[in-house]
Protein backbone atom coordinates (compact mmCIF):
# COMPACT_ATOMS: atom_id res chain seq x y z
CA MET A 1 -14.41 -58.52 28.91
CA CYS A 2 -14.39 -60.15 32.46
CA ASN A 3 -12.50 -58.81 35.59
CA LYS A 4 -9.89 -61.61 34.75
CA GLY A 5 -9.20 -60.51 31.48
CA LEU A 6 -10.74 -63.25 29.43
CA ILE A 7 -13.14 -63.15 26.72
CA THR A 8 -15.25 -65.88 24.97
CA GLY A 9 -15.40 -66.20 21.40
CA ASN A 10 -18.30 -67.48 19.34
CA ASP A 11 -16.57 -70.70 19.68
CA ASN A 12 -17.00 -70.71 23.28
CA LYS A 13 -13.48 -70.69 23.99
CA ALA A 14 -11.91 -68.25 26.49
CA ARG A 15 -8.86 -66.37 25.56
CA CYS A 16 -6.91 -63.48 26.59
CA PHE A 17 -8.60 -60.25 26.19
CA TRP A 18 -6.16 -58.54 23.96
CA CYS A 19 -7.17 -60.50 20.74
CA GLY A 20 -10.64 -59.43 20.69
CA ASP A 21 -12.63 -60.89 18.11
CA ASP A 22 -10.53 -60.31 15.09
CA PRO A 23 -10.03 -63.42 13.30
CA ILE A 24 -6.26 -62.79 12.47
CA TYR A 25 -5.72 -61.50 16.18
CA MET A 26 -7.52 -64.71 17.45
CA ASN A 27 -5.51 -66.94 15.17
CA TYR A 28 -2.30 -65.50 16.15
CA HIS A 29 -3.42 -65.74 20.12
CA ASP A 30 -4.27 -69.39 19.47
CA LYS A 31 -1.54 -70.67 17.42
CA GLU A 32 1.52 -68.52 17.88
CA TRP A 33 1.81 -66.36 20.85
CA GLY A 34 3.58 -67.81 23.75
CA ARG A 35 4.59 -70.84 21.85
CA PRO A 36 8.45 -71.49 22.21
CA VAL A 37 10.02 -70.52 19.02
CA TYR A 38 13.91 -71.55 18.60
CA ASP A 39 14.22 -70.90 14.63
CA ASP A 40 17.03 -67.88 14.33
CA THR A 41 14.93 -66.36 11.29
CA ARG A 42 11.68 -66.43 13.12
CA LEU A 43 13.48 -64.81 16.22
CA PHE A 44 15.02 -62.19 14.31
CA GLU A 45 11.78 -61.36 12.47
CA LYS A 46 9.80 -60.99 15.78
CA ILE A 47 12.31 -58.67 17.30
CA CYS A 48 12.34 -56.43 14.30
CA LEU A 49 8.39 -56.35 14.27
CA GLU A 50 8.43 -55.59 17.79
CA GLY A 51 10.85 -52.60 16.76
CA PHE A 52 8.44 -51.39 14.05
CA GLN A 53 5.33 -52.03 16.59
CA SER A 54 6.66 -49.44 18.80
CA GLY A 55 4.07 -46.66 19.08
CA LEU A 56 1.38 -48.76 17.09
CA SER A 57 -0.94 -51.52 17.74
CA TRP A 58 0.50 -55.15 17.27
CA ILE A 59 -2.63 -55.87 15.02
CA THR A 60 -1.32 -53.31 12.80
CA ILE A 61 1.95 -54.94 12.25
CA LEU A 62 0.29 -58.30 11.89
CA ARG A 63 -2.00 -57.31 9.14
CA LYS A 64 1.11 -56.21 7.41
CA ARG A 65 3.42 -59.14 8.47
CA GLU A 66 3.22 -60.86 4.95
CA ASN A 67 4.25 -57.50 3.45
CA PHE A 68 7.06 -57.06 5.68
CA ARG A 69 8.34 -60.69 5.22
CA GLU A 70 8.35 -60.01 1.27
CA ALA A 71 10.03 -56.78 1.83
CA PHE A 72 12.63 -57.94 3.99
CA ASN A 73 13.60 -61.17 2.35
CA GLY A 74 11.79 -63.21 4.91
CA PHE A 75 13.94 -61.60 7.56
CA ASP A 76 16.90 -63.56 6.45
CA PHE A 77 19.41 -61.35 8.45
CA THR A 78 22.27 -62.44 6.35
CA LYS A 79 20.57 -60.65 3.43
CA VAL A 80 18.85 -57.74 5.55
CA ALA A 81 22.49 -56.66 6.51
CA ASN A 82 23.48 -56.01 3.21
CA TYR A 83 20.60 -53.57 2.19
CA ASP A 84 22.06 -50.32 1.03
CA ASN A 85 20.62 -46.85 0.48
CA VAL A 86 19.00 -47.86 -2.94
CA TYR A 87 17.13 -50.67 -0.99
CA ILE A 88 16.33 -48.45 1.97
CA ASP A 89 14.56 -45.86 -0.69
CA LYS A 90 12.80 -48.79 -2.11
CA LEU A 91 11.22 -49.89 1.37
CA LEU A 92 10.37 -46.05 2.12
CA ASN A 93 8.18 -46.23 -0.92
CA ASN A 94 6.53 -49.67 -0.10
CA ASP A 95 3.18 -48.71 1.40
CA GLY A 96 2.66 -52.15 2.41
CA ILE A 97 5.04 -51.91 5.51
CA ILE A 98 5.61 -49.10 8.12
CA ARG A 99 7.48 -46.33 6.15
CA HIS A 100 9.81 -45.21 8.98
CA ARG A 101 13.23 -44.62 8.21
CA GLY A 102 14.59 -44.91 11.75
CA LYS A 103 13.14 -48.28 12.18
CA ILE A 104 13.92 -49.51 8.58
CA GLU A 105 17.87 -48.55 9.22
CA ALA A 106 17.44 -49.99 12.67
CA THR A 107 16.46 -53.33 11.16
CA ILE A 108 19.30 -53.29 8.71
CA ASN A 109 21.78 -52.30 11.68
CA ASN A 110 20.29 -55.18 13.84
CA ALA A 111 20.82 -57.64 10.89
CA GLN A 112 24.35 -57.04 10.97
CA ARG A 113 24.66 -57.04 14.72
CA ALA A 114 22.62 -60.70 14.42
CA ILE A 115 25.46 -62.04 12.07
CA ASP A 116 27.88 -61.05 15.06
CA LEU A 117 25.76 -62.48 17.57
CA ALA A 118 25.20 -65.70 15.82
CA GLU A 119 28.83 -66.31 15.09
CA GLU A 120 29.78 -65.49 18.90
CA LYS A 121 27.10 -67.60 20.51
CA GLY A 122 26.45 -70.40 17.78
CA SER A 123 22.68 -69.19 17.01
CA LEU A 124 20.47 -66.26 17.82
CA SER A 125 18.28 -69.00 19.66
CA SER A 126 20.97 -69.98 22.16
CA TYR A 127 21.81 -66.43 22.79
CA PHE A 128 18.05 -65.24 23.25
CA TRP A 129 16.91 -68.32 25.33
CA SER A 130 19.92 -67.68 27.78
CA PHE A 131 17.69 -64.79 29.18
CA LYS A 132 14.68 -67.21 29.79
CA PRO A 133 13.58 -66.56 33.50
CA LYS A 134 15.40 -69.24 35.60
CA LYS A 135 12.56 -69.82 37.74
CA SER A 136 8.69 -70.20 36.85
CA THR A 137 6.52 -67.41 37.86
CA ALA A 138 3.02 -67.81 39.00
CA GLN A 139 0.55 -67.92 36.14
CA PRO A 140 -1.18 -64.54 35.76
CA GLU A 141 -4.73 -64.71 36.79
CA SER A 142 -5.74 -61.33 35.49
CA ALA A 143 -4.75 -58.85 32.88
CA ALA A 144 -3.58 -56.63 35.80
CA GLN A 145 -0.80 -59.24 36.79
CA ILE A 146 1.07 -58.98 33.35
CA GLN A 147 4.25 -57.04 33.25
CA SER A 148 5.34 -54.76 30.74
CA LYS A 149 9.10 -55.51 31.60
CA THR A 150 10.74 -57.89 33.80
CA GLU A 151 14.28 -58.12 35.36
CA GLU A 152 15.15 -60.60 32.50
CA SER A 153 13.72 -58.53 29.90
CA ILE A 154 15.98 -55.28 31.06
CA ALA A 155 18.90 -57.26 31.08
CA LEU A 156 18.29 -58.53 27.40
CA SER A 157 17.66 -54.98 26.31
CA LYS A 158 20.69 -53.73 28.00
CA ASP A 159 22.98 -56.53 26.62
CA LEU A 160 21.69 -55.89 23.17
CA LYS A 161 22.27 -52.42 23.19
CA LYS A 162 25.58 -52.77 24.40
CA ARG A 163 26.15 -54.71 21.36
CA GLY A 164 24.75 -52.27 18.99
CA TRP A 165 21.21 -53.02 18.45
CA LYS A 166 18.57 -50.31 18.04
CA PHE A 167 14.80 -50.02 18.92
CA ILE A 168 15.19 -52.36 21.38
CA GLY A 169 13.99 -51.12 24.88
CA PRO A 170 12.96 -53.49 27.94
CA THR A 171 9.29 -53.37 27.22
CA THR A 172 10.06 -54.36 23.55
CA THR A 173 12.27 -57.40 24.57
CA TYR A 174 9.68 -58.44 27.24
CA ALA A 175 6.88 -58.34 24.27
CA PHE A 176 9.34 -60.53 22.21
CA MET A 177 9.80 -62.83 25.33
CA GLN A 178 6.20 -63.30 25.60
CA ALA A 179 5.38 -63.76 22.05
CA MET A 180 8.50 -66.27 21.54
CA GLY A 181 7.59 -68.44 24.73
CA MET A 182 10.22 -67.62 27.11
CA VAL A 183 7.44 -66.86 29.35
CA ASN A 184 3.74 -68.08 29.25
CA ASP A 185 1.36 -65.00 29.84
CA HIS A 186 -1.57 -66.65 28.81
CA ILE A 187 -4.09 -65.64 31.44
CA LYS A 188 -5.25 -68.61 33.87
CA GLY A 189 -8.42 -69.99 32.25
CA CYS A 190 -7.59 -69.12 28.74
CA HIS A 191 -7.86 -72.28 26.64
CA VAL A 192 -4.49 -72.08 25.26
CA GLN A 193 -2.53 -71.59 28.47
CA PRO A 194 -2.51 -75.10 29.46
CA LEU A 195 -1.26 -76.29 26.05
CA ILE A 196 2.14 -74.47 26.29
CA ASN A 197 5.08 -75.84 28.50
CA ARG A 198 6.47 -73.71 30.74
């Protein structure tokens, strides 16, 4: 890793340091992270997985993502909202996901809150994207310049908590905003950075 926080892969492309040389992580970095997402199901999936990631590494979640999708009906929040105790027990016995009762119950709770939010705001997308920073910030030139939370992520976390969402702190919401393209935190010099509209 160089001082700027970039690494160069075997394909001679510069990438943000955090993806390392793991092919799954590199693919996620190149094709997903930071690219704008407006689909309600994908937004719900990501915010739930960020909650599951709490205390763990993202690569752990990424390697289990397909298992999560299968276990949680593709993160269709209208279905997840109806999970009962029998289904919770089934999830707790699924070794393909993170078997944490609190996080599983939070996901079900958040699905119920997501239905209410989509009805109120028209879509999850219109709600989440209303927290996009109003002004562009300077492109990070090093890993040290990347924040763990911002004024907007604090506001989003606070509003979601007020609405009854769980496992949704400001660091989690900022990671969600980075991943879903509400901010572009690819480090300057990363080959993906100029491909993403700010």
